Each structure stands twice: as structure tokens, then as C-alpha cells.
Amino acid sequence: MVRQSEEVLVAMTDRAVEKALAMLRERGEAEMALRVFVAGGGCSGYQYGMAIAQGREEGDLAVEHGGLTLLVDPESAPLLQGAEIDFIDDVMRSGFSIYNPNAVSTCACGSSFSAECGGGAPRSCC
């Protein structure tokens, strides 16, 4: 069963939605969804992941943003509650960026974090 989230689990800026939809269209997968998840590892304990979802899985939370379906698995949901996904395109970098209010510390690379609840398995940045 896929659950529709009543509250905004993960927000997305308009720019992020536009980029995600454009990416799906370019790959010929306009009907697919975008999955965002958290996995153990990274420099700080958890690392973010995003992937094109080939299908919805049992327990997924579905969040709709301007024609884009964002899927979050139930294990990642508590760590992503209140997060915002943006798309950054500047001189230093280009790509999706996640602001996560649940992160108590982040790695310099910005792709991993630790949460107050602990967990994950930190690895060296070097």
C-alpha cells in the first residue's frame, strides 16, 4: 500500500521540481517518480540518495509536487521529515541539494549527515 502523505514530508523548490521533471522527460521516463532516501554510510553516518523509481514499494509515502511524484520509504521518512530539496546551479557546483532540519552535523561535502537519533556508519572523508 502506498500512502499519500497528509503533511509535507519533503518539500521541493520549484526549480528542483522543474529539473527533476526535465530529467525524467529527457530519459523518456516522464511517468516515473523520483525516490529520495537515506542510507547508512557517508562521512557523517547517513548519506542521501535519489533515484528514478521504477515502481512504488510497499509502505512508500508519496508526495506530489507540481506534477512530480516523490517517493520516500518508511525507514527514511523520519530522517527526512521537514527537509527541502533544491537544485543548485552555480560556479561551484550543479545538482540537487537537501536542506535537512534533522541533521545535527553534516560533512563538508554536504552529501552526508548525522542525526540526533544516531545510527548510520560513518566513514572517513579522506
N, C-alpha and C. Protein backbone atom coordinates (compact mmCIF):
# COMPACT_ATOMS: atom_id res chain seq x y z
N MET A 1 0.85 -1.18 0.00
CA MET A 1 0.00 0.00 0.00
C MET A 1 0.89 1.24 0.00
N VAL A 2 0.65 2.15 -0.92
CA VAL A 2 1.36 3.42 -0.95
C VAL A 2 0.51 4.44 -0.23
N ARG A 3 1.11 5.14 0.69
CA ARG A 3 0.37 6.12 1.47
C ARG A 3 0.67 7.51 0.94
N GLN A 4 -0.38 8.30 0.79
CA GLN A 4 -0.22 9.70 0.42
C GLN A 4 0.01 10.47 1.71
N SER A 5 1.07 11.25 1.74
CA SER A 5 1.39 11.99 2.95
C SER A 5 0.42 13.15 3.14
N GLU A 6 -0.19 13.25 4.32
CA GLU A 6 -1.11 14.35 4.60
C GLU A 6 -0.36 15.65 4.83
N GLU A 7 0.81 15.58 5.41
CA GLU A 7 1.61 16.77 5.64
C GLU A 7 2.80 16.72 4.70
N VAL A 8 3.43 17.86 4.54
CA VAL A 8 4.57 17.91 3.63
C VAL A 8 5.75 17.23 4.31
N LEU A 9 6.04 16.04 3.89
CA LEU A 9 7.15 15.28 4.42
C LEU A 9 8.46 15.88 3.93
N VAL A 10 8.57 16.02 2.62
CA VAL A 10 9.75 16.61 1.99
C VAL A 10 9.25 17.67 1.01
N ALA A 11 9.71 18.89 1.18
CA ALA A 11 9.34 19.98 0.27
C ALA A 11 10.34 20.03 -0.87
N MET A 12 9.92 20.60 -1.98
CA MET A 12 10.82 20.81 -3.12
C MET A 12 10.61 22.22 -3.64
N THR A 13 11.69 22.87 -3.98
CA THR A 13 11.57 24.19 -4.60
C THR A 13 11.05 24.00 -6.03
N ASP A 14 10.49 25.06 -6.59
CA ASP A 14 10.01 24.99 -7.97
C ASP A 14 11.15 24.61 -8.92
N ARG A 15 12.33 25.16 -8.66
CA ARG A 15 13.49 24.88 -9.51
C ARG A 15 13.84 23.38 -9.47
N ALA A 16 13.77 22.77 -8.29
CA ALA A 16 14.07 21.34 -8.16
C ALA A 16 13.03 20.50 -8.89
N VAL A 17 11.76 20.88 -8.78
CA VAL A 17 10.70 20.14 -9.47
C VAL A 17 10.91 20.24 -10.98
N GLU A 18 11.18 21.44 -11.48
CA GLU A 18 11.40 21.63 -12.92
C GLU A 18 12.56 20.78 -13.41
N LYS A 19 13.68 20.78 -12.67
CA LYS A 19 14.85 20.00 -13.08
C LYS A 19 14.57 18.50 -13.05
N ALA A 20 13.87 18.05 -12.03
CA ALA A 20 13.55 16.62 -11.92
C ALA A 20 12.63 16.19 -13.06
N LEU A 21 11.60 16.98 -13.34
CA LEU A 21 10.69 16.65 -14.44
C LEU A 21 11.42 16.67 -15.78
N ALA A 22 12.29 17.65 -15.99
CA ALA A 22 13.07 17.73 -17.23
C ALA A 22 13.97 16.50 -17.37
N MET A 23 14.60 16.09 -16.28
CA MET A 23 15.47 14.92 -16.30
C MET A 23 14.68 13.66 -16.68
N LEU A 24 13.50 13.50 -16.10
CA LEU A 24 12.67 12.34 -16.40
C LEU A 24 12.22 12.36 -17.86
N ARG A 25 11.84 13.53 -18.35
CA ARG A 25 11.42 13.64 -19.76
C ARG A 25 12.58 13.32 -20.70
N GLU A 26 13.78 13.85 -20.41
CA GLU A 26 14.95 13.61 -21.25
C GLU A 26 15.28 12.12 -21.34
N ARG A 27 15.03 11.40 -20.28
CA ARG A 27 15.32 9.97 -20.24
C ARG A 27 14.15 9.13 -20.73
N GLY A 28 13.08 9.81 -21.17
CA GLY A 28 11.92 9.09 -21.66
C GLY A 28 11.14 8.40 -20.56
N GLU A 29 11.24 8.92 -19.35
CA GLU A 29 10.60 8.29 -18.20
C GLU A 29 9.69 9.28 -17.48
N ALA A 30 8.96 10.07 -18.26
CA ALA A 30 8.13 11.14 -17.69
C ALA A 30 7.07 10.63 -16.72
N GLU A 31 6.67 9.39 -16.84
CA GLU A 31 5.63 8.84 -15.96
C GLU A 31 6.21 8.25 -14.68
N MET A 32 7.52 8.21 -14.56
CA MET A 32 8.16 7.64 -13.38
C MET A 32 8.16 8.64 -12.23
N ALA A 33 8.54 8.17 -11.08
CA ALA A 33 8.63 9.00 -9.88
C ALA A 33 10.09 9.14 -9.47
N LEU A 34 10.34 10.06 -8.59
CA LEU A 34 11.68 10.25 -8.04
C LEU A 34 11.67 9.74 -6.61
N ARG A 35 12.62 8.88 -6.28
CA ARG A 35 12.74 8.34 -4.92
C ARG A 35 13.87 9.07 -4.22
N VAL A 36 13.62 9.53 -3.01
CA VAL A 36 14.67 10.10 -2.17
C VAL A 36 14.74 9.23 -0.92
N PHE A 37 15.97 8.93 -0.49
CA PHE A 37 16.13 8.01 0.63
C PHE A 37 17.39 8.35 1.42
N VAL A 38 17.49 7.73 2.56
CA VAL A 38 18.65 7.87 3.43
C VAL A 38 19.21 6.47 3.66
N ALA A 39 20.53 6.34 3.57
CA ALA A 39 21.19 5.06 3.80
C ALA A 39 22.33 5.28 4.79
N GLY A 40 22.67 4.26 5.53
CA GLY A 40 23.81 4.35 6.43
C GLY A 40 25.09 4.48 5.63
N GLY A 41 26.05 5.22 6.17
CA GLY A 41 27.33 5.41 5.49
C GLY A 41 27.61 6.88 5.29
N GLY A 42 28.55 7.17 4.41
CA GLY A 42 28.94 8.56 4.23
C GLY A 42 29.87 9.00 5.34
N CYS A 43 30.36 10.17 5.25
CA CYS A 43 31.34 10.69 6.21
C CYS A 43 30.75 10.91 7.59
N SER A 44 29.45 11.23 7.65
CA SER A 44 28.84 11.63 8.91
C SER A 44 27.89 10.60 9.50
N GLY A 45 27.64 9.51 8.83
CA GLY A 45 26.77 8.47 9.38
C GLY A 45 25.62 8.09 8.48
N TYR A 46 24.99 9.06 7.84
CA TYR A 46 23.93 8.80 6.87
C TYR A 46 24.31 9.50 5.58
N GLN A 47 23.82 8.97 4.47
CA GLN A 47 24.02 9.67 3.21
C GLN A 47 22.69 9.69 2.46
N TYR A 48 22.50 10.76 1.68
CA TYR A 48 21.29 10.92 0.89
C TYR A 48 21.43 10.15 -0.40
N GLY A 49 20.30 9.71 -0.91
CA GLY A 49 20.27 9.08 -2.22
C GLY A 49 19.02 9.53 -2.96
N MET A 50 19.13 9.63 -4.27
CA MET A 50 17.99 9.92 -5.13
C MET A 50 18.09 9.00 -6.33
N ALA A 51 16.95 8.50 -6.77
CA ALA A 51 16.93 7.60 -7.92
C ALA A 51 15.59 7.69 -8.62
N ILE A 52 15.58 7.32 -9.87
CA ILE A 52 14.32 7.21 -10.59
C ILE A 52 13.65 5.94 -10.10
N ALA A 53 12.42 6.07 -9.67
CA ALA A 53 11.68 4.92 -9.13
C ALA A 53 10.94 4.21 -10.26
N GLN A 54 11.26 2.96 -10.45
CA GLN A 54 10.60 2.17 -11.47
C GLN A 54 9.20 1.74 -11.04
N GLY A 55 8.96 1.82 -9.76
CA GLY A 55 7.65 1.47 -9.23
C GLY A 55 7.56 1.81 -7.77
N ARG A 56 6.39 1.82 -7.26
CA ARG A 56 6.18 2.11 -5.85
C ARG A 56 6.31 0.82 -5.06
N GLU A 57 6.84 0.95 -3.85
CA GLU A 57 7.03 -0.20 -2.99
C GLU A 57 6.09 -0.13 -1.79
N GLU A 58 5.88 -1.27 -1.17
CA GLU A 58 5.01 -1.37 0.00
C GLU A 58 5.43 -0.37 1.06
N GLY A 59 4.49 0.41 1.55
CA GLY A 59 4.75 1.36 2.63
C GLY A 59 5.28 2.71 2.19
N ASP A 60 5.59 2.89 0.90
CA ASP A 60 6.09 4.17 0.42
C ASP A 60 5.14 5.30 0.76
N LEU A 61 5.71 6.44 1.11
CA LEU A 61 4.95 7.67 1.24
C LEU A 61 5.11 8.41 -0.07
N ALA A 62 4.02 8.86 -0.65
CA ALA A 62 4.05 9.58 -1.91
C ALA A 62 3.72 11.04 -1.66
N VAL A 63 4.55 11.93 -2.18
CA VAL A 63 4.35 13.37 -2.05
C VAL A 63 4.32 13.94 -3.46
N GLU A 64 3.28 14.69 -3.78
CA GLU A 64 3.14 15.29 -5.11
C GLU A 64 3.63 16.73 -5.08
N HIS A 65 4.45 17.07 -6.07
CA HIS A 65 4.97 18.43 -6.21
C HIS A 65 4.87 18.83 -7.67
N GLY A 66 3.89 19.64 -8.02
CA GLY A 66 3.79 20.19 -9.36
C GLY A 66 3.87 19.17 -10.49
N GLY A 67 3.23 18.04 -10.35
CA GLY A 67 3.25 17.01 -11.38
C GLY A 67 4.33 15.96 -11.18
N LEU A 68 5.16 16.13 -10.19
CA LEU A 68 6.22 15.17 -9.88
C LEU A 68 5.82 14.37 -8.64
N THR A 69 5.95 13.06 -8.71
CA THR A 69 5.71 12.22 -7.55
C THR A 69 7.05 11.92 -6.90
N LEU A 70 7.15 12.24 -5.64
CA LEU A 70 8.34 11.96 -4.85
C LEU A 70 7.99 10.83 -3.89
N LEU A 71 8.78 9.77 -3.90
CA LEU A 71 8.54 8.61 -3.03
C LEU A 71 9.59 8.55 -1.93
N VAL A 72 9.14 8.24 -0.72
CA VAL A 72 10.02 8.09 0.43
C VAL A 72 9.64 6.81 1.15
N ASP A 73 10.65 5.96 1.41
CA ASP A 73 10.37 4.70 2.12
C ASP A 73 10.14 4.99 3.59
N PRO A 74 9.43 4.11 4.30
CA PRO A 74 9.09 4.38 5.70
C PRO A 74 10.29 4.47 6.64
N GLU A 75 11.41 3.82 6.30
CA GLU A 75 12.60 3.91 7.16
C GLU A 75 13.29 5.28 7.01
N SER A 76 13.25 5.85 5.82
CA SER A 76 13.88 7.15 5.58
C SER A 76 13.02 8.32 6.03
N ALA A 77 11.71 8.13 6.08
CA ALA A 77 10.78 9.22 6.36
C ALA A 77 11.10 10.01 7.63
N PRO A 78 11.37 9.36 8.78
CA PRO A 78 11.65 10.16 9.98
C PRO A 78 12.91 11.03 9.85
N LEU A 79 13.88 10.56 9.10
CA LEU A 79 15.12 11.31 8.94
C LEU A 79 14.99 12.43 7.90
N LEU A 80 13.95 12.37 7.09
CA LEU A 80 13.73 13.39 6.06
C LEU A 80 12.58 14.33 6.37
N GLN A 81 11.88 14.09 7.49
CA GLN A 81 10.72 14.91 7.85
C GLN A 81 11.11 16.39 7.89
N GLY A 82 10.44 17.21 7.08
CA GLY A 82 10.69 18.65 7.08
C GLY A 82 11.83 19.09 6.17
N ALA A 83 12.47 18.15 5.47
CA ALA A 83 13.59 18.50 4.59
C ALA A 83 13.08 19.22 3.34
N GLU A 84 13.98 19.96 2.69
CA GLU A 84 13.66 20.64 1.44
C GLU A 84 14.73 20.33 0.40
N ILE A 85 14.28 19.96 -0.78
CA ILE A 85 15.18 19.66 -1.89
C ILE A 85 15.20 20.86 -2.81
N ASP A 86 16.38 21.30 -3.17
CA ASP A 86 16.56 22.42 -4.09
C ASP A 86 17.50 21.95 -5.20
N PHE A 87 17.56 22.71 -6.27
CA PHE A 87 18.53 22.45 -7.32
C PHE A 87 19.45 23.65 -7.39
N ILE A 88 20.74 23.40 -7.19
CA ILE A 88 21.75 24.45 -7.19
C ILE A 88 22.50 24.40 -8.52
N ASP A 89 22.67 25.54 -9.14
CA ASP A 89 23.44 25.62 -10.38
C ASP A 89 24.24 26.92 -10.34
N ASP A 90 25.46 26.81 -9.82
CA ASP A 90 26.31 27.99 -9.73
C ASP A 90 27.74 27.63 -10.14
N VAL A 91 28.65 28.52 -9.92
CA VAL A 91 30.03 28.34 -10.34
C VAL A 91 30.69 27.14 -9.65
N MET A 92 30.34 26.89 -8.41
CA MET A 92 30.99 25.83 -7.63
C MET A 92 30.43 24.44 -7.89
N ARG A 93 29.11 24.35 -8.14
CA ARG A 93 28.52 23.02 -8.32
C ARG A 93 27.15 23.12 -8.97
N SER A 94 26.69 21.98 -9.42
CA SER A 94 25.38 21.89 -10.04
C SER A 94 24.76 20.56 -9.62
N GLY A 95 23.56 20.60 -9.09
CA GLY A 95 22.89 19.38 -8.69
C GLY A 95 21.87 19.61 -7.61
N PHE A 96 21.22 18.53 -7.21
CA PHE A 96 20.22 18.61 -6.16
C PHE A 96 20.91 18.75 -4.81
N SER A 97 20.30 19.55 -3.95
CA SER A 97 20.83 19.79 -2.62
C SER A 97 19.68 19.62 -1.63
N ILE A 98 19.97 19.02 -0.49
CA ILE A 98 18.93 18.77 0.51
C ILE A 98 19.26 19.55 1.78
N TYR A 99 18.33 20.41 2.20
CA TYR A 99 18.41 21.06 3.50
C TYR A 99 17.58 20.19 4.44
N ASN A 100 18.22 19.69 5.49
CA ASN A 100 17.56 18.76 6.41
C ASN A 100 17.61 19.30 7.83
N PRO A 101 16.46 19.70 8.39
CA PRO A 101 16.46 20.22 9.76
C PRO A 101 16.77 19.15 10.81
N ASN A 102 16.77 17.87 10.42
CA ASN A 102 17.07 16.77 11.34
C ASN A 102 18.56 16.51 11.48
N ALA A 103 19.35 17.13 10.62
CA ALA A 103 20.80 16.91 10.66
C ALA A 103 21.41 17.75 11.77
N VAL A 104 22.14 17.10 12.67
CA VAL A 104 22.82 17.84 13.73
C VAL A 104 24.25 18.18 13.32
N SER A 105 24.77 17.47 12.33
CA SER A 105 26.06 17.82 11.74
C SER A 105 26.09 17.26 10.33
N THR A 106 26.87 17.90 9.48
CA THR A 106 27.00 17.45 8.10
C THR A 106 28.47 17.39 7.73
N CYS A 107 28.76 16.64 6.71
CA CYS A 107 30.11 16.54 6.18
C CYS A 107 30.38 17.76 5.31
N ALA A 108 31.61 18.09 5.11
CA ALA A 108 31.99 19.23 4.26
C ALA A 108 31.45 19.07 2.85
N CYS A 109 31.32 17.84 2.38
CA CYS A 109 30.82 17.61 1.02
C CYS A 109 29.33 17.87 0.91
N GLY A 110 28.60 17.87 2.04
CA GLY A 110 27.17 18.15 2.03
C GLY A 110 26.29 16.99 1.63
N SER A 111 26.87 15.82 1.36
CA SER A 111 26.04 14.70 0.93
C SER A 111 25.80 13.69 2.05
N SER A 112 26.33 13.94 3.23
CA SER A 112 26.05 13.04 4.35
C SER A 112 25.81 13.86 5.61
N PHE A 113 25.18 13.22 6.59
CA PHE A 113 24.81 13.92 7.82
C PHE A 113 24.68 12.95 8.97
N SER A 114 24.64 13.48 10.15
CA SER A 114 24.30 12.68 11.31
C SER A 114 23.06 13.30 11.94
N ALA A 115 22.27 12.47 12.60
CA ALA A 115 21.03 12.92 13.22
C ALA A 115 21.12 12.67 14.71
N GLU A 116 20.32 13.40 15.45
CA GLU A 116 20.34 13.28 16.90
C GLU A 116 20.02 11.86 17.35
N CYS A 117 19.21 11.15 16.57
CA CYS A 117 18.84 9.78 16.94
C CYS A 117 19.98 8.79 16.69
N GLY A 118 21.10 9.27 16.11
CA GLY A 118 22.25 8.40 15.86
C GLY A 118 22.03 7.50 14.66
N GLY A 119 22.77 6.44 14.60
CA GLY A 119 22.63 5.48 13.50
C GLY A 119 23.59 5.75 12.38
N GLY A 120 23.53 4.93 11.38
CA GLY A 120 24.45 5.06 10.25
C GLY A 120 25.81 4.52 10.64
N ALA A 121 26.71 4.49 9.69
CA ALA A 121 28.07 4.03 9.93
C ALA A 121 29.04 5.00 9.29
N PRO A 122 29.59 5.96 10.05
CA PRO A 122 30.47 6.96 9.48
C PRO A 122 31.70 6.35 8.82
N ARG A 123 32.13 6.97 7.73
CA ARG A 123 33.37 6.60 7.06
C ARG A 123 34.20 7.86 6.91
N SER A 124 35.46 7.69 6.77
CA SER A 124 36.36 8.82 6.62
C SER A 124 36.11 9.56 5.32
N CYS A 125 36.23 10.89 5.35
CA CYS A 125 36.08 11.70 4.14
C CYS A 125 37.31 11.58 3.25
N CYS A 126 38.42 11.23 3.81
CA CYS A 126 39.69 11.24 3.09
C CYS A 126 39.90 10.00 2.25
